[in-house]
Amino acid sequence: MKKILFVLILLVAVLLGSYTLMKESLDRFNPFIKKEHVYVEINDTPADDDGRYKYRVTGFNTDGEEKKVTFTTSTILEEGTYVKALVKGSYTENFEMITKNELPEDLF
């Protein structure tokens, strides 16, 4: 009985650890997560990601809900740049730079 309980606990721990490490990949193919646009203003310096620049920023969707977004670029974006990202959970499908006039009203 103790062996079965130990194996079950170990299995749950491995599954949770795998989900944590592979969340972005799993969100990409999850049919229950909807794609949405998230609007972000760049205010931080990016982290180096093997020759690319990784941004981990917080933005807002069209409903005004706060969302965390991660994406990489080949160049450093200027502070104050607005970005419209198409995300699905923690997976960022694509993004584009936009002007302040293209933001939905009452977002920032």
C-alpha atoms as a PDB file:
ATOM      1  CA  MET A   1       0.000   0.000   0.000  1.00  0.00           C
ATOM      2  CA  LYS A   2       2.836   2.381   0.860  1.00  0.00           C
ATOM      3  CA  LYS A   3       4.538   1.618  -2.463  1.00  0.00           C
ATOM      4  CA  ILE A   4       1.381   2.459  -4.415  1.00  0.00           C
ATOM      5  CA  LEU A   5       0.947   5.727  -2.532  1.00  0.00           C
ATOM      6  CA  PHE A   6       4.610   6.609  -3.090  1.00  0.00           C
ATOM      7  CA  VAL A   7       4.348   5.879  -6.828  1.00  0.00           C
ATOM      8  CA  LEU A   8       1.183   7.980  -7.131  1.00  0.00           C
ATOM      9  CA  ILE A   9       2.773  10.939  -5.325  1.00  0.00           C
ATOM     10  CA  LEU A  10       5.878  10.630  -7.474  1.00  0.00           C
ATOM     11  CA  LEU A  11       3.777  10.478 -10.646  1.00  0.00           C
ATOM     12  CA  VAL A  12       1.810  13.601  -9.667  1.00  0.00           C
ATOM     13  CA  ALA A  13       5.055  15.451  -8.880  1.00  0.00           C
ATOM     14  CA  VAL A  14       6.559  14.507 -12.259  1.00  0.00           C
ATOM     15  CA  LEU A  15       3.407  15.567 -14.118  1.00  0.00           C
ATOM     16  CA  LEU A  16       3.229  18.936 -12.329  1.00  0.00           C
ATOM     17  CA  GLY A  17       6.922  19.555 -12.929  1.00  0.00           C
ATOM     18  CA  SER A  18       6.568  18.707 -16.611  1.00  0.00           C
ATOM     19  CA  TYR A  19       3.590  21.030 -16.957  1.00  0.00           C
ATOM     20  CA  THR A  20       5.510  23.872 -15.323  1.00  0.00           C
ATOM     21  CA  LEU A  21       8.475  23.425 -17.658  1.00  0.00           C
ATOM     22  CA  MET A  22       6.408  22.917 -20.819  1.00  0.00           C
ATOM     23  CA  LYS A  23       3.477  25.290 -20.174  1.00  0.00           C
ATOM     24  CA  GLU A  24       4.100  27.410 -23.261  1.00  0.00           C
ATOM     25  CA  SER A  25       4.246  24.386 -25.568  1.00  0.00           C
ATOM     26  CA  LEU A  26       1.133  22.866 -24.025  1.00  0.00           C
ATOM     27  CA  ASP A  27      -0.838  26.127 -24.282  1.00  0.00           C
ATOM     28  CA  ARG A  28       0.061  26.347 -27.963  1.00  0.00           C
ATOM     29  CA  PHE A  29      -1.869  23.165 -28.809  1.00  0.00           C
ATOM     30  CA  ASN A  30      -4.586  23.315 -26.140  1.00  0.00           C
ATOM     31  CA  PRO A  31      -7.957  23.608 -27.953  1.00  0.00           C
ATOM     32  CA  PHE A  32      -9.681  25.025 -24.857  1.00  0.00           C
ATOM     33  CA  ILE A  33      -7.573  28.199 -24.670  1.00  0.00           C
ATOM     34  CA  LYS A  34      -8.704  31.043 -26.906  1.00  0.00           C
ATOM     35  CA  LYS A  35      -6.362  33.354 -28.798  1.00  0.00           C
ATOM     36  CA  GLU A  36      -6.535  37.004 -27.804  1.00  0.00           C
ATOM     37  CA  HIS A  37      -4.717  40.243 -28.471  1.00  0.00           C
ATOM     38  CA  VAL A  38      -2.737  41.752 -25.610  1.00  0.00           C
ATOM     39  CA  TYR A  39      -1.485  45.325 -25.754  1.00  0.00           C
ATOM     40  CA  VAL A  40       1.857  46.067 -24.106  1.00  0.00           C
ATOM     41  CA  GLU A  41       3.972  49.154 -23.516  1.00  0.00           C
ATOM     42  CA  ILE A  42       7.706  48.428 -23.406  1.00  0.00           C
ATOM     43  CA  ASN A  43       9.206  49.916 -20.228  1.00  0.00           C
ATOM     44  CA  ASP A  44      11.844  47.348 -19.262  1.00  0.00           C
ATOM     45  CA  THR A  45      15.176  46.289 -20.673  1.00  0.00           C
ATOM     46  CA  PRO A  46      15.129  42.832 -22.260  1.00  0.00           C
ATOM     47  CA  ALA A  47      17.048  39.776 -21.119  1.00  0.00           C
ATOM     48  CA  ASP A  48      19.661  38.285 -23.444  1.00  0.00           C
ATOM     49  CA  ASP A  49      18.407  35.063 -25.037  1.00  0.00           C
ATOM     50  CA  ASP A  50      21.214  33.599 -27.192  1.00  0.00           C
ATOM     51  CA  GLY A  51      21.565  36.590 -29.489  1.00  0.00           C
ATOM     52  CA  ARG A  52      17.916  37.610 -29.260  1.00  0.00           C
ATOM     53  CA  TYR A  53      16.194  39.835 -26.718  1.00  0.00           C
ATOM     54  CA  LYS A  54      13.502  38.358 -24.479  1.00  0.00           C
ATOM     55  CA  TYR A  55      10.784  40.593 -23.104  1.00  0.00           C
ATOM     56  CA  ARG A  56       8.632  39.479 -20.168  1.00  0.00           C
ATOM     57  CA  VAL A  57       6.060  42.199 -19.761  1.00  0.00           C
ATOM     58  CA  THR A  58       2.542  42.754 -18.494  1.00  0.00           C
ATOM     59  CA  GLY A  59      -0.155  44.088 -20.780  1.00  0.00           C
ATOM     60  CA  PHE A  60      -3.913  44.251 -21.118  1.00  0.00           C
ATOM     61  CA  ASN A  61      -6.363  42.444 -23.375  1.00  0.00           C
ATOM     62  CA  THR A  62      -9.326  44.199 -25.003  1.00  0.00           C
ATOM     63  CA  ASP A  63     -11.456  43.543 -21.884  1.00  0.00           C
ATOM     64  CA  GLY A  64      -8.911  45.366 -19.705  1.00  0.00           C
ATOM     65  CA  GLU A  65      -7.695  42.191 -17.963  1.00  0.00           C
ATOM     66  CA  GLU A  66      -4.009  42.114 -17.050  1.00  0.00           C
ATOM     67  CA  LYS A  67      -1.987  39.426 -18.884  1.00  0.00           C
ATOM     68  CA  LYS A  68       1.680  38.428 -18.816  1.00  0.00           C
ATOM     69  CA  VAL A  69       3.366  38.198 -22.212  1.00  0.00           C
ATOM     70  CA  THR A  70       6.759  36.788 -23.207  1.00  0.00           C
ATOM     71  CA  PHE A  71       8.283  37.276 -26.649  1.00  0.00           C
ATOM     72  CA  THR A  72      11.696  37.633 -28.268  1.00  0.00           C
ATOM     73  CA  THR A  73      12.976  40.097 -30.838  1.00  0.00           C
ATOM     74  CA  SER A  74      16.146  40.432 -32.880  1.00  0.00           C
ATOM     75  CA  THR A  75      16.556  44.103 -31.886  1.00  0.00           C
ATOM     76  CA  ILE A  76      16.101  46.076 -28.699  1.00  0.00           C
ATOM     77  CA  LEU A  77      12.801  47.954 -28.700  1.00  0.00           C
ATOM     78  CA  GLU A  78      12.775  51.560 -27.587  1.00  0.00           C
ATOM     79  CA  GLU A  79      11.197  52.395 -24.252  1.00  0.00           C
ATOM     80  CA  GLY A  80       7.616  53.540 -24.781  1.00  0.00           C
ATOM     81  CA  THR A  81       7.035  51.316 -27.820  1.00  0.00           C
ATOM     82  CA  TYR A  82       3.547  49.826 -27.997  1.00  0.00           C
ATOM     83  CA  VAL A  83       3.193  46.187 -29.012  1.00  0.00           C
ATOM     84  CA  LYS A  84       0.078  44.225 -30.006  1.00  0.00           C
ATOM     85  CA  ALA A  85       0.693  40.522 -29.296  1.00  0.00           C
ATOM     86  CA  LEU A  86      -1.497  37.603 -30.350  1.00  0.00           C
ATOM     87  CA  VAL A  87      -1.302  35.168 -27.423  1.00  0.00           C
ATOM     88  CA  LYS A  88      -2.812  31.829 -26.492  1.00  0.00           C
ATOM     89  CA  GLY A  89      -2.290  31.222 -22.788  1.00  0.00           C
ATOM     90  CA  SER A  90       1.432  31.711 -22.213  1.00  0.00           C
ATOM     91  CA  TYR A  91       2.318  31.128 -25.890  1.00  0.00           C
ATOM     92  CA  THR A  92       2.892  34.238 -28.028  1.00  0.00           C
ATOM     93  CA  GLU A  93       2.006  33.466 -31.631  1.00  0.00           C
ATOM     94  CA  ASN A  94       3.102  36.793 -33.109  1.00  0.00           C
ATOM     95  CA  PHE A  95       3.395  40.472 -32.318  1.00  0.00           C
ATOM     96  CA  GLU A  96       3.589  43.805 -34.094  1.00  0.00           C
ATOM     97  CA  MET A  97       4.617  47.312 -33.134  1.00  0.00           C
ATOM     98  CA  ILE A  98       1.729  49.783 -33.148  1.00  0.00           C
ATOM     99  CA  THR A  99       1.218  53.471 -32.450  1.00  0.00           C
ATOM    100  CA  LYS A 100      -0.613  54.891 -29.457  1.00  0.00           C
ATOM    101  CA  ASN A 101      -3.523  55.804 -31.766  1.00  0.00           C
ATOM    102  CA  GLU A 102      -4.061  52.112 -32.590  1.00  0.00           C
ATOM    103  CA  LEU A 103      -4.636  51.158 -28.939  1.00  0.00           C
ATOM    104  CA  PRO A 104      -8.199  50.456 -27.811  1.00  0.00           C
ATOM    105  CA  GLU A 105      -9.631  53.320 -25.769  1.00  0.00           C
ATOM    106  CA  ASP A 106      -9.108  53.404 -21.972  1.00  0.00           C
ATOM    107  CA  LEU A 107      -6.464  50.695 -22.033  1.00  0.00           C
ATOM    108  CA  PHE A 108      -3.416  52.411 -20.520  1.00  0.00           C
END
